[in-house]
Amino acid sequence: MPTHSLATLPIRRLNPRDLTACADLSEDRQWQREEHKWGLLLTAGQGYGIDDPEGGLVAACVVTEYGPEGHTDLGAVGMVLVAKRHARQGVGRRLLRHVVSVSGTTPLTLHATPMGRTLYEELGFKVVGHAEMLMGDFVPSGLPERTPTRAATAEDLPAILRLDAEVFGTDRTPLLARLPAFADQLRVAEEAGRITGYAAAWPNMDTHVVGPLIARDTETAKALVASLAARTERPLRTDIDMRHDELRAWFKERGLAPVAVNAVMTCGIANVPGDWTRRFAPLTVAAG
């Protein structure tokens, strides 16, 4: 396709019927297909894409919006991909300019790889933190966890949503209401009848991704992770806010190795809202 024609291709909204095309685009860029994750993002979030006249997608991304019903407080940008054959031709910049434009005054956040960071900075995003991706087979300590955990029930969902909104800084009900069906495990920590943390493990190719991971302190976070790990034979993968040094060191002691460090970036807001001291890992970096 001639370079000049890329600028004339329309940007459209994606929907769940585009899942295979999105997964194909991931594979084209040598990412995993991650169809399970794409399915969640295309239903809980809003996808944007450019169709290739020759078939498939030229580019795609997803914005997951958060906030009380009828009002968006924050948009999380993720899964920004351009087909290899159309790379370095300004397509990604055009798509992201569109996303920033349609978002209007809504603040945006994203996790940027070192490769994508320069483009995001050109569009007004600023680095406000970092997250470390860890992956590997979890080695249990052999000692009982001091903080008890249990499987979450349907009755726990309202309390989980309240805790999450308090910690995350805005309401994420449309995303988290899908979590019980999306995840293989959803567990809570509880004290005196009050939920003090929750965590999920969801399947992504050959791993279980740990996230979200919300807890009142590091010991509670460790207990939640250990309880998830005890119930799967898959390797674990997670993205931990780098300010949580103790938890990152604990993961490494338990057998997980560093894979990458991504920058947390925002546009239109000075920092990510909420209480980072209790926010350990996102559901997925693609959804903030």
Protein backbone atom coordinates (compact mmCIF):
# COMPACT_ATOMS: atom_id res chain seq x y z
CA MET A 1 0.00 0.00 0.00
CA PRO A 2 1.49 3.42 -0.92
CA THR A 3 2.41 5.49 2.12
CA HIS A 4 0.21 8.44 1.17
CA SER A 5 -2.98 6.32 1.14
CA LEU A 6 -2.62 5.42 4.82
CA ALA A 7 -3.58 8.96 5.79
CA THR A 8 -6.91 8.66 3.98
CA LEU A 9 -8.06 5.41 5.58
CA PRO A 10 -10.86 6.09 8.10
CA ILE A 11 -10.53 5.40 11.80
CA ARG A 12 -13.50 3.46 13.10
CA ARG A 13 -14.71 2.03 16.38
CA LEU A 14 -13.97 -1.62 16.93
CA ASN A 15 -16.32 -4.13 18.54
CA PRO A 16 -16.15 -7.75 19.76
CA ARG A 17 -16.54 -9.00 16.18
CA ASP A 18 -13.06 -7.59 15.53
CA LEU A 19 -11.43 -9.89 18.10
CA THR A 20 -9.76 -12.20 15.57
CA ALA A 21 -8.41 -9.27 13.55
CA CYS A 22 -7.00 -7.72 16.73
CA ALA A 23 -5.39 -11.01 17.76
CA ASP A 24 -3.94 -11.36 14.25
CA LEU A 25 -2.46 -7.87 14.62
CA SER A 26 -0.86 -8.87 17.94
CA GLU A 27 0.65 -11.93 16.31
CA ASP A 28 1.87 -9.85 13.36
CA ARG A 29 3.93 -7.78 15.83
CA GLN A 30 5.23 -10.96 17.49
CA TRP A 31 3.08 -10.46 20.56
CA GLN A 32 1.00 -13.31 21.90
CA ARG A 33 -2.51 -13.46 20.42
CA GLU A 34 -4.13 -12.87 23.84
CA GLU A 35 -7.65 -13.44 22.55
CA HIS A 36 -9.04 -13.77 26.07
CA LYS A 37 -7.71 -10.32 27.00
CA TRP A 38 -8.79 -8.75 23.71
CA GLY A 39 -12.29 -10.09 24.33
CA LEU A 40 -12.49 -8.33 27.68
CA LEU A 41 -11.08 -5.05 26.39
CA LEU A 42 -13.36 -4.91 23.36
CA THR A 43 -16.44 -5.39 25.56
CA ALA A 44 -15.49 -3.37 28.65
CA GLY A 45 -13.61 -0.71 26.68
CA GLN A 46 -13.77 1.10 23.37
CA GLY A 47 -11.56 -0.04 20.53
CA TYR A 48 -10.35 2.12 17.65
CA GLY A 49 -8.90 0.76 14.44
CA ILE A 50 -7.99 1.33 10.82
CA ASP A 51 -9.01 -1.32 8.30
CA ASP A 52 -6.54 -2.52 5.70
CA PRO A 53 -8.19 -2.69 2.24
CA GLU A 54 -6.15 -5.84 1.67
CA GLY A 55 -7.62 -7.46 4.78
CA GLY A 56 -7.12 -7.25 8.53
CA LEU A 57 -6.20 -4.13 10.46
CA VAL A 58 -3.57 -1.50 9.78
CA ALA A 59 -3.64 -0.43 13.44
CA ALA A 60 -5.68 -0.72 16.62
CA CYS A 61 -5.87 0.41 20.23
CA VAL A 62 -8.36 0.28 23.11
CA VAL A 63 -9.47 2.91 25.62
CA THR A 64 -11.06 1.71 28.86
CA GLU A 65 -13.08 4.47 30.52
CA TYR A 66 -13.65 4.76 34.25
CA GLY A 67 -15.92 6.88 36.39
CA PRO A 68 -19.43 7.01 37.84
CA GLU A 69 -22.29 6.27 35.48
CA GLY A 70 -22.69 9.06 32.97
CA HIS A 71 -19.30 10.65 33.66
CA THR A 72 -15.79 9.59 32.65
CA ASP A 73 -13.01 10.47 35.12
CA LEU A 74 -10.15 8.62 33.44
CA GLY A 75 -9.35 6.76 30.23
CA ALA A 76 -6.72 4.01 30.06
CA VAL A 77 -5.10 3.54 26.65
CA GLY A 78 -3.72 0.13 25.74
CA MET A 79 -2.95 -2.43 23.04
CA VAL A 80 -1.56 0.22 20.68
CA LEU A 81 -0.45 -1.79 17.64
CA VAL A 82 0.47 -1.04 14.04
CA ALA A 83 0.90 -3.84 11.51
CA LYS A 84 4.54 -4.52 10.77
CA ARG A 85 4.15 -3.74 7.07
CA HIS A 86 2.81 -0.26 7.93
CA ALA A 87 5.21 0.59 10.76
CA ARG A 88 7.12 3.88 10.88
CA GLN A 89 4.69 5.63 8.54
CA GLY A 90 2.88 7.81 11.09
CA VAL A 91 -0.10 5.49 11.50
CA GLY A 92 0.28 5.05 15.24
CA ARG A 93 0.67 8.79 15.75
CA ARG A 94 -2.48 9.46 13.73
CA LEU A 95 -4.50 6.87 15.65
CA LEU A 96 -3.37 8.19 19.02
CA ARG A 97 -4.03 11.80 18.03
CA HIS A 98 -7.56 10.69 17.24
CA VAL A 99 -7.91 9.01 20.64
CA VAL A 100 -6.64 12.12 22.45
CA SER A 101 -9.01 14.28 20.40
CA VAL A 102 -12.16 12.23 21.03
CA SER A 103 -11.26 11.98 24.74
CA GLY A 104 -11.56 15.75 25.00
CA THR A 105 -10.84 16.91 28.54
CA THR A 106 -10.84 13.38 30.00
CA PRO A 107 -7.42 12.59 31.53
CA LEU A 108 -5.63 9.61 30.00
CA THR A 109 -3.12 7.10 31.32
CA LEU A 110 -1.12 4.28 29.77
CA HIS A 111 1.81 1.92 30.29
CA ALA A 112 4.52 2.60 27.71
CA THR A 113 7.26 0.33 26.47
CA PRO A 114 10.61 2.01 25.86
CA MET A 115 9.86 1.80 22.12
CA GLY A 116 6.56 3.67 22.41
CA ARG A 117 7.49 6.23 25.03
CA THR A 118 8.85 8.88 22.62
CA LEU A 119 5.62 8.94 20.62
CA TYR A 120 3.51 9.33 23.75
CA GLU A 121 5.70 12.18 24.96
CA GLU A 122 5.18 13.93 21.63
CA LEU A 123 1.44 13.75 22.26
CA GLY A 124 1.70 15.30 25.72
CA PHE A 125 2.01 12.27 27.98
CA LYS A 126 4.41 12.51 30.92
CA VAL A 127 6.10 9.74 32.92
CA VAL A 128 4.72 9.51 36.46
CA GLY A 129 6.01 6.08 37.50
CA HIS A 130 7.16 2.64 36.44
CA ALA A 131 5.95 -0.94 36.68
CA GLU A 132 8.06 -4.09 36.55
CA MET A 133 6.77 -7.16 34.74
CA LEU A 134 7.65 -10.40 36.52
CA MET A 135 7.08 -13.95 35.32
CA GLY A 136 7.93 -17.47 36.37
CA ASP A 137 6.99 -20.55 38.33
CA PHE A 138 5.99 -19.57 41.86
CA VAL A 139 7.88 -21.43 44.59
CA PRO A 140 5.85 -21.57 47.82
CA SER A 141 7.56 -20.73 51.09
CA GLY A 142 6.19 -23.80 52.84
CA LEU A 143 5.03 -21.63 55.73
CA PRO A 144 1.38 -20.83 56.46
CA GLU A 145 0.30 -17.33 55.47
CA ARG A 146 -0.44 -15.11 58.44
CA THR A 147 -3.31 -13.42 56.60
CA PRO A 148 -6.23 -15.74 55.76
CA THR A 149 -7.85 -15.55 52.34
CA ARG A 150 -10.87 -17.20 50.74
CA ALA A 151 -12.59 -17.49 47.40
CA ALA A 152 -14.77 -14.50 46.62
CA THR A 153 -18.52 -14.99 46.31
CA ALA A 154 -21.18 -13.05 44.42
CA GLU A 155 -22.11 -11.36 47.69
CA ASP A 156 -18.58 -9.91 47.94
CA LEU A 157 -18.79 -7.96 44.68
CA PRO A 158 -20.32 -4.74 46.11
CA ALA A 159 -17.60 -4.59 48.79
CA ILE A 160 -14.89 -5.30 46.21
CA LEU A 161 -16.20 -2.50 44.01
CA ARG A 162 -16.26 -0.06 46.94
CA LEU A 163 -12.70 -0.95 47.99
CA ASP A 164 -11.46 -0.76 44.42
CA ALA A 165 -13.00 2.68 43.81
CA GLU A 166 -11.41 3.95 47.01
CA VAL A 167 -7.96 2.62 46.08
CA PHE A 168 -8.04 3.17 42.32
CA GLY A 169 -9.49 6.66 42.67
CA THR A 170 -12.56 6.18 40.48
CA ASP A 171 -15.28 3.67 39.71
CA ARG A 172 -14.37 0.65 37.54
CA THR A 173 -17.65 -1.27 37.75
CA PRO A 174 -18.07 -1.99 33.99
CA LEU A 175 -14.63 -3.67 33.96
CA LEU A 176 -14.67 -5.39 37.35
CA ALA A 177 -18.23 -6.69 37.03
CA ARG A 178 -16.83 -8.93 34.28
CA LEU A 179 -13.99 -10.17 36.49
CA PRO A 180 -15.74 -13.23 38.01
CA ALA A 181 -16.38 -14.64 34.53
CA PHE A 182 -13.04 -13.48 33.08
CA ALA A 183 -10.75 -14.81 35.84
CA ASP A 184 -10.11 -18.40 36.85
CA GLN A 185 -9.69 -17.29 40.46
CA LEU A 186 -10.93 -14.34 42.49
CA ARG A 187 -9.93 -14.26 46.16
CA VAL A 188 -10.36 -11.85 49.05
CA ALA A 189 -8.60 -11.14 52.32
CA GLU A 190 -10.95 -10.39 55.18
CA GLU A 191 -10.69 -9.20 58.76
CA ALA A 192 -13.57 -8.85 61.19
CA GLY A 193 -16.02 -9.22 58.33
CA ARG A 194 -14.41 -6.46 56.27
CA ILE A 195 -12.62 -7.11 52.97
CA THR A 196 -9.09 -5.71 53.17
CA GLY A 197 -7.87 -6.83 49.76
CA TYR A 198 -8.69 -8.80 46.66
CA ALA A 199 -6.82 -10.38 43.77
CA ALA A 200 -7.57 -12.32 40.61
CA ALA A 201 -5.67 -14.76 38.44
CA TRP A 202 -6.78 -14.89 34.83
CA PRO A 203 -5.59 -17.10 31.96
CA ASN A 204 -3.38 -15.57 29.30
CA MET A 205 -1.89 -18.10 26.88
CA ASP A 206 0.24 -20.44 29.07
CA THR A 207 0.36 -18.22 32.18
CA HIS A 208 -1.94 -16.97 34.88
CA VAL A 209 -1.80 -13.19 35.19
CA VAL A 210 -2.13 -11.90 38.75
CA GLY A 211 -4.19 -8.72 38.70
CA PRO A 212 -5.86 -6.69 39.94
CA LEU A 213 -3.96 -6.88 43.21
CA ILE A 214 -5.42 -4.50 45.78
CA ALA A 215 -4.47 -4.88 49.45
CA ARG A 216 -4.21 -2.83 52.61
CA ASP A 217 -0.50 -3.71 53.01
CA THR A 218 2.30 -5.83 51.58
CA GLU A 219 1.65 -8.83 53.84
CA THR A 220 -1.96 -8.98 52.66
CA ALA A 221 -0.79 -8.75 49.05
CA LYS A 222 1.65 -11.63 49.60
CA ALA A 223 -1.07 -13.78 51.16
CA LEU A 224 -3.42 -13.16 48.24
CA VAL A 225 -0.75 -14.02 45.67
CA ALA A 226 0.34 -17.15 47.55
CA SER A 227 -3.26 -18.34 47.75
CA LEU A 228 -3.70 -17.84 43.98
CA ALA A 229 -0.40 -19.60 43.21
CA ALA A 230 -1.36 -22.60 45.36
CA ARG A 231 -4.33 -23.22 43.07
CA THR A 232 -2.64 -23.20 39.67
CA GLU A 233 0.13 -25.13 37.97
CA ARG A 234 0.75 -22.40 35.41
CA PRO A 235 3.59 -19.87 35.64
CA LEU A 236 2.52 -16.53 37.08
CA ARG A 237 2.86 -13.15 35.41
CA THR A 238 2.21 -9.75 36.94
CA ASP A 239 3.14 -6.06 36.70
CA ILE A 240 4.09 -4.52 40.05
CA ASP A 241 4.35 -0.80 40.76
CA MET A 242 8.09 -0.30 41.27
CA ARG A 243 7.51 1.66 44.48
CA HIS A 244 6.54 -1.64 46.09
CA ASP A 245 10.13 -2.78 46.62
CA GLU A 246 9.34 -5.36 49.28
CA LEU A 247 6.74 -7.14 47.19
CA ARG A 248 8.93 -7.15 44.07
CA ALA A 249 11.81 -8.64 46.08
CA TRP A 250 9.44 -11.26 47.51
CA PHE A 251 8.26 -12.28 44.03
CA LYS A 252 11.87 -12.75 42.96
CA GLU A 253 12.60 -14.85 46.05
CA ARG A 254 9.59 -16.97 45.13
CA GLY A 255 10.92 -17.70 41.63
CA LEU A 256 9.57 -14.96 39.35
CA ALA A 257 12.10 -13.15 37.16
CA PRO A 258 12.03 -9.60 35.78
CA VAL A 259 10.92 -9.41 32.14
CA ALA A 260 10.55 -5.70 31.42
CA VAL A 261 10.03 -2.28 32.96
CA ASN A 262 7.36 -0.04 31.48
CA ALA A 263 6.72 3.63 32.14
CA VAL A 264 3.38 4.71 33.60
CA MET A 265 2.33 7.88 31.79
CA THR A 266 -0.52 10.37 32.07
CA CYS A 267 -1.94 13.16 29.93
CA GLY A 268 -4.19 15.88 31.29
CA ILE A 269 -3.57 14.92 34.92
CA ALA A 270 -0.52 15.30 37.15
CA ASN A 271 -0.55 11.72 38.41
CA VAL A 272 -2.57 8.53 38.46
CA PRO A 273 -5.44 9.01 40.95
CA GLY A 274 -6.06 6.90 44.02
CA ASP A 275 -3.89 5.36 46.73
CA TRP A 276 -0.79 3.75 45.24
CA THR A 277 0.21 2.27 48.61
CA ARG A 278 -2.67 -0.21 48.31
CA ARG A 279 -2.60 -0.60 44.51
CA PHE A 280 0.01 -3.26 43.75
CA ALA A 281 -0.83 -4.55 40.26
CA PRO A 282 -3.36 -3.71 37.51
CA LEU A 283 -5.74 -6.20 36.01
CA THR A 284 -3.72 -5.67 32.85
CA VAL A 285 -1.43 -2.81 31.83
CA ALA A 286 -3.68 -2.39 28.79
CA ALA A 287 -6.47 -1.20 31.09
CA GLY A 288 -4.36 0.93 33.41
